[in-house]
PDB file of N, CA and C in Angstrom:
ATOM      1  N   MET A   1     -12.265  -0.896 -46.047  1.00  0.00           N
ATOM      2  CA  MET A   1     -11.031  -1.901 -46.418  1.00  0.00           C
ATOM      3  C   MET A   1     -10.420  -3.051 -45.432  1.00  0.00           C
ATOM      4  N   GLN A   2     -10.094  -4.053 -45.874  1.00  0.00           N
ATOM      5  CA  GLN A   2      -9.960  -5.105 -44.869  1.00  0.00           C
ATOM      6  C   GLN A   2      -8.331  -5.255 -44.387  1.00  0.00           C
ATOM      7  N   GLN A   3      -7.825  -5.349 -43.199  1.00  0.00           N
ATOM      8  CA  GLN A   3      -6.770  -5.092 -42.230  1.00  0.00           C
ATOM      9  C   GLN A   3      -6.172  -6.127 -42.614  1.00  0.00           C
ATOM     10  N   ARG A   4      -4.787  -6.616 -42.531  1.00  0.00           N
ATOM     11  CA  ARG A   4      -3.898  -7.993 -42.716  1.00  0.00           C
ATOM     12  C   ARG A   4      -3.698  -8.204 -41.746  1.00  0.00           C
ATOM     13  N   GLN A   5      -3.965  -9.381 -41.207  1.00  0.00           N
ATOM     14  CA  GLN A   5      -3.101  -9.744 -39.694  1.00  0.00           C
ATOM     15  C   GLN A   5      -1.634  -9.896 -39.690  1.00  0.00           C
ATOM     16  N   PRO A   6      -1.043  -9.574 -38.630  1.00  0.00           N
ATOM     17  CA  PRO A   6       0.589  -9.454 -38.877  1.00  0.00           C
ATOM     18  C   PRO A   6       1.096 -10.721 -38.850  1.00  0.00           C
ATOM     19  N   ILE A   7       1.985 -11.225 -39.638  1.00  0.00           N
ATOM     20  CA  ILE A   7       2.636 -12.262 -39.877  1.00  0.00           C
ATOM     21  C   ILE A   7       3.381 -13.058 -38.419  1.00  0.00           C
ATOM     22  N   SER A   8       2.998 -14.103 -38.064  1.00  0.00           N
ATOM     23  CA  SER A   8       3.697 -14.360 -36.984  1.00  0.00           C
ATOM     24  C   SER A   8       5.150 -14.823 -37.642  1.00  0.00           C
ATOM     25  N   VAL A   9       5.819 -15.035 -36.371  1.00  0.00           N
ATOM     26  CA  VAL A   9       7.437 -15.485 -36.627  1.00  0.00           C
ATOM     27  C   VAL A   9       7.003 -16.655 -36.073  1.00  0.00           C
ATOM     28  N   GLN A  10       8.011 -17.607 -37.380  1.00  0.00           N
ATOM     29  CA  GLN A  10       8.275 -18.824 -36.894  1.00  0.00           C
ATOM     30  C   GLN A  10       9.488 -19.302 -37.098  1.00  0.00           C
ATOM     31  N   PRO A  11      10.065 -20.432 -36.214  1.00  0.00           N
ATOM     32  CA  PRO A  11      11.387 -20.556 -36.386  1.00  0.00           C
ATOM     33  C   PRO A  11      11.711 -21.184 -37.532  1.00  0.00           C
ATOM     34  N   ASP A  12      12.594 -21.239 -38.125  1.00  0.00           N
ATOM     35  CA  ASP A  12      13.640 -21.801 -39.156  1.00  0.00           C
ATOM     36  C   ASP A  12      13.792 -23.046 -38.791  1.00  0.00           C
ATOM     37  N   LEU A  13      13.656 -23.752 -39.611  1.00  0.00           N
ATOM     38  CA  LEU A  13      13.574 -25.532 -39.330  1.00  0.00           C
ATOM     39  C   LEU A  13      15.009 -25.712 -39.827  1.00  0.00           C
ATOM     40  N   PHE A  14      15.262 -24.937 -40.654  1.00  0.00           N
ATOM     41  CA  PHE A  14      16.575 -25.383 -41.359  1.00  0.00           C
ATOM     42  C   PHE A  14      17.895 -24.902 -40.602  1.00  0.00           C
ATOM     43  N   ALA A  15      17.642 -24.084 -39.665  1.00  0.00           N
ATOM     44  CA  ALA A  15      18.746 -23.371 -38.829  1.00  0.00           C
ATOM     45  C   ALA A  15      19.543 -24.700 -38.195  1.00  0.00           C
ATOM     46  N   ALA A  16      21.039 -24.213 -37.894  1.00  0.00           N
ATOM     47  CA  ALA A  16      21.882 -24.916 -37.075  1.00  0.00           C
ATOM     48  C   ALA A  16      21.082 -25.028 -35.674  1.00  0.00           C
ATOM     49  N   PRO A  17      20.764 -26.039 -35.108  1.00  0.00           N
ATOM     50  CA  PRO A  17      20.492 -26.196 -33.635  1.00  0.00           C
ATOM     51  C   PRO A  17      21.821 -25.169 -32.919  1.00  0.00           C
ATOM     52  N   THR A  18      21.204 -24.752 -31.940  1.00  0.00           N
ATOM     53  CA  THR A  18      22.060 -23.988 -30.907  1.00  0.00           C
ATOM     54  C   THR A  18      22.251 -24.721 -29.818  1.00  0.00           C
ATOM     55  N   ALA A  19      23.760 -24.555 -29.487  1.00  0.00           N
ATOM     56  CA  ALA A  19      23.963 -25.201 -28.163  1.00  0.00           C
ATOM     57  C   ALA A  19      23.480 -25.274 -26.928  1.00  0.00           C
ATOM     58  N   PRO A  20      23.179 -26.110 -26.160  1.00  0.00           N
ATOM     59  CA  PRO A  20      22.372 -25.952 -24.881  1.00  0.00           C
ATOM     60  C   PRO A  20      23.011 -25.343 -24.154  1.00  0.00           C
ATOM     61  N   ARG A  21      21.935 -24.650 -23.245  1.00  0.00           N
ATOM     62  CA  ARG A  21      22.851 -23.419 -22.266  1.00  0.00           C
ATOM     63  C   ARG A  21      23.083 -23.963 -21.344  1.00  0.00           C
ATOM     64  N   GLU A  22      24.256 -23.750 -20.462  1.00  0.00           N
ATOM     65  CA  GLU A  22      24.735 -24.031 -19.451  1.00  0.00           C
ATOM     66  C   GLU A  22      24.179 -24.296 -18.210  1.00  0.00           C
ATOM     67  N   LEU A  23      23.960 -25.135 -17.581  1.00  0.00           N
ATOM     68  CA  LEU A  23      22.436 -25.132 -16.596  1.00  0.00           C
ATOM     69  C   LEU A  23      24.059 -24.650 -15.132  1.00  0.00           C
ATOM     70  N   SER A  24      23.279 -23.705 -14.200  1.00  0.00           N
ATOM     71  CA  SER A  24      24.708 -23.931 -12.670  1.00  0.00           C
ATOM     72  C   SER A  24      24.471 -25.619 -12.540  1.00  0.00           C
ATOM     73  N   SER A  25      25.926 -25.482 -11.775  1.00  0.00           N
ATOM     74  CA  SER A  25      26.115 -27.207 -11.168  1.00  0.00           C
ATOM     75  C   SER A  25      24.943 -27.473 -10.098  1.00  0.00           C
ATOM     76  N   ASP A  26      24.295 -26.222  -9.201  1.00  0.00           N
ATOM     77  CA  ASP A  26      23.069 -27.170  -8.135  1.00  0.00           C
ATOM     78  C   ASP A  26      22.146 -27.359  -8.995  1.00  0.00           C
ATOM     79  N   ILE A  27      21.340 -26.467  -9.987  1.00  0.00           N
ATOM     80  CA  ILE A  27      20.393 -26.965 -10.892  1.00  0.00           C
ATOM     81  C   ILE A  27      20.624 -28.472 -11.273  1.00  0.00           C
ATOM     82  N   GLY A  28      21.896 -28.503 -11.871  1.00  0.00           N
ATOM     83  CA  GLY A  28      22.039 -29.866 -12.692  1.00  0.00           C
ATOM     84  C   GLY A  28      22.403 -31.298 -12.027  1.00  0.00           C
ATOM     85  N   GLN A  29      23.013 -30.851 -10.471  1.00  0.00           N
ATOM     86  CA  GLN A  29      22.837 -31.932  -9.732  1.00  0.00           C
ATOM     87  C   GLN A  29      21.682 -32.363  -8.835  1.00  0.00           C
ATOM     88  N   HIS A  30      20.412 -31.180  -9.064  1.00  0.00           N
ATOM     89  CA  HIS A  30      18.984 -31.594  -8.702  1.00  0.00           C
ATOM     90  C   HIS A  30      18.349 -32.440  -9.435  1.00  0.00           C
ATOM     91  N   LEU A  31      18.864 -31.615 -10.599  1.00  0.00           N
ATOM     92  CA  LEU A  31      18.050 -32.755 -12.066  1.00  0.00           C
ATOM     93  C   LEU A  31      18.594 -34.007 -12.169  1.00  0.00           C
ATOM     94  N   LEU A  32      19.907 -34.468 -11.696  1.00  0.00           N
ATOM     95  CA  LEU A  32      20.288 -35.772 -12.034  1.00  0.00           C
ATOM     96  C   LEU A  32      19.375 -36.603 -10.777  1.00  0.00           C
ATOM     97  N   SER A  33      19.670 -35.793  -9.659  1.00  0.00           N
ATOM     98  CA  SER A  33      18.925 -36.450  -8.412  1.00  0.00           C
ATOM     99  C   SER A  33      17.538 -36.891  -8.510  1.00  0.00           C
ATOM    100  N   LEU A  34      16.514 -36.093  -9.511  1.00  0.00           N
ATOM    101  CA  LEU A  34      15.398 -36.162 -10.051  1.00  0.00           C
ATOM    102  C   LEU A  34      15.307 -37.548 -10.571  1.00  0.00           C
ATOM    103  N   ILE A  35      16.135 -37.130 -12.098  1.00  0.00           N
ATOM    104  CA  ILE A  35      15.972 -38.462 -12.556  1.00  0.00           C
ATOM    105  C   ILE A  35      16.657 -39.477 -12.305  1.00  0.00           C
ATOM    106  N   GLU A  36      17.447 -39.594 -10.961  1.00  0.00           N
ATOM    107  CA  GLU A  36      17.558 -41.105 -10.629  1.00  0.00           C
ATOM    108  C   GLU A  36      16.668 -41.548  -9.813  1.00  0.00           C
ATOM    109  N   ALA A  37      15.952 -40.724  -8.922  1.00  0.00           N
ATOM    110  CA  ALA A  37      14.583 -40.696  -8.211  1.00  0.00           C
ATOM    111  C   ALA A  37      13.846 -41.580  -9.205  1.00  0.00           C
ATOM    112  N   LEU A  38      13.277 -41.138 -10.092  1.00  0.00           N
ATOM    113  CA  LEU A  38      12.102 -41.502 -11.206  1.00  0.00           C
ATOM    114  C   LEU A  38      12.675 -42.691 -11.776  1.00  0.00           C
ATOM    115  N   LEU A  39      14.240 -42.894 -12.050  1.00  0.00           N
ATOM    116  CA  LEU A  39      14.393 -44.002 -12.859  1.00  0.00           C
ATOM    117  C   LEU A  39      14.170 -45.353 -11.692  1.00  0.00           C
ATOM    118  N   THR A  40      14.639 -45.225 -10.612  1.00  0.00           N
ATOM    119  CA  THR A  40      14.546 -45.856  -9.495  1.00  0.00           C
ATOM    120  C   THR A  40      13.304 -46.503  -9.058  1.00  0.00           C
ATOM    121  N   GLU A  41      12.231 -45.699  -8.843  1.00  0.00           N
ATOM    122  CA  GLU A  41      10.996 -45.522  -8.726  1.00  0.00           C
ATOM    123  C   GLU A  41      10.477 -46.821 -10.275  1.00  0.00           C
ATOM    124  N   ALA A  42      10.350 -45.927 -11.389  1.00  0.00           N
ATOM    125  CA  ALA A  42      10.567 -46.662 -12.760  1.00  0.00           C
ATOM    126  C   ALA A  42      10.604 -48.218 -12.824  1.00  0.00           C
ATOM    127  N   ALA A  43      11.746 -48.409 -12.033  1.00  0.00           N
ATOM    128  CA  ALA A  43      12.595 -49.949 -12.388  1.00  0.00           C
ATOM    129  C   ALA A  43      12.075 -50.587 -10.997  1.00  0.00           C
ATOM    130  N   LYS A  44      11.562 -50.205 -10.211  1.00  0.00           N
ATOM    131  CA  LYS A  44      10.680 -50.934  -8.662  1.00  0.00           C
ATOM    132  C   LYS A  44       9.410 -51.363  -9.035  1.00  0.00           C
ATOM    133  N   LYS A  45       8.542 -50.284  -9.961  1.00  0.00           N
ATOM    134  CA  LYS A  45       7.147 -50.696 -10.357  1.00  0.00           C
ATOM    135  C   LYS A  45       7.338 -51.579 -11.507  1.00  0.00           C
ATOM    136  N   ALA A  46       8.309 -51.749 -12.368  1.00  0.00           N
ATOM    137  CA  ALA A  46       8.597 -52.584 -13.229  1.00  0.00           C
ATOM    138  C   ALA A  46       8.603 -54.027 -12.990  1.00  0.00           C
ATOM    139  N   ARG A  47       9.725 -54.108 -11.702  1.00  0.00           N
ATOM    140  CA  ARG A  47       9.952 -55.281 -11.300  1.00  0.00           C
ATOM    141  C   ARG A  47       8.624 -55.672 -10.505  1.00  0.00           C
ATOM    142  N   GLU A  48       7.862 -54.678  -9.959  1.00  0.00           N
ATOM    143  CA  GLU A  48       6.610 -55.191  -9.265  1.00  0.00           C
ATOM    144  C   GLU A  48       5.555 -56.287 -10.383  1.00  0.00           C
ATOM    145  N   ALA A  49       5.364 -55.425 -11.500  1.00  0.00           N
ATOM    146  CA  ALA A  49       4.540 -55.730 -12.538  1.00  0.00           C
ATOM    147  C   ALA A  49       5.005 -57.243 -13.199  1.00  0.00           C
ATOM    148  N   ASP A  50       6.541 -57.305 -12.977  1.00  0.00           N
ATOM    149  CA  ASP A  50       6.631 -58.300 -13.588  1.00  0.00           C
ATOM    150  C   ASP A  50       6.539 -59.812 -12.551  1.00  0.00           C
ATOM    151  N   HIS A  51       6.875 -59.323 -11.729  1.00  0.00           N
ATOM    152  CA  HIS A  51       6.326 -60.091 -10.407  1.00  0.00           C
ATOM    153  C   HIS A  51       5.028 -60.575 -10.338  1.00  0.00           C
ATOM    154  N   GLU A  52       4.018 -59.956 -10.688  1.00  0.00           N
ATOM    155  CA  GLU A  52       2.982 -60.103 -10.480  1.00  0.00           C
ATOM    156  C   GLU A  52       2.515 -60.913 -11.770  1.00  0.00           C
ATOM    157  N   CYS A  53       2.999 -60.669 -12.955  1.00  0.00           N
ATOM    158  CA  CYS A  53       2.777 -61.360 -14.080  1.00  0.00           C
ATOM    159  C   CYS A  53       3.492 -62.347 -13.741  1.00  0.00           C
ATOM    160  N   HIS A  54       4.384 -63.301 -13.439  1.00  0.00           N
ATOM    161  CA  HIS A  54       5.153 -64.255 -13.319  1.00  0.00           C
ATOM    162  C   HIS A  54       4.402 -65.043 -12.033  1.00  0.00           C
ATOM    163  N   ALA A  55       3.349 -64.657 -11.211  1.00  0.00           N
ATOM    164  CA  ALA A  55       3.001 -65.051 -10.300  1.00  0.00           C
ATOM    165  C   ALA A  55       1.486 -66.101 -10.400  1.00  0.00           C
TER     166      ALA A  55
END
């Protein structure tokens, strides 16, 4: 006799979204500084690429 595979639990696509967890202020500050550094670097690269395009 063939055994059935267990049914895997799938998320309810129609469930109301849950509120995001609160991060500790240290982690939040660290994430903000990382995001700021990434945005600064991306802006710098975009300016360099723009300058090369117009040169």
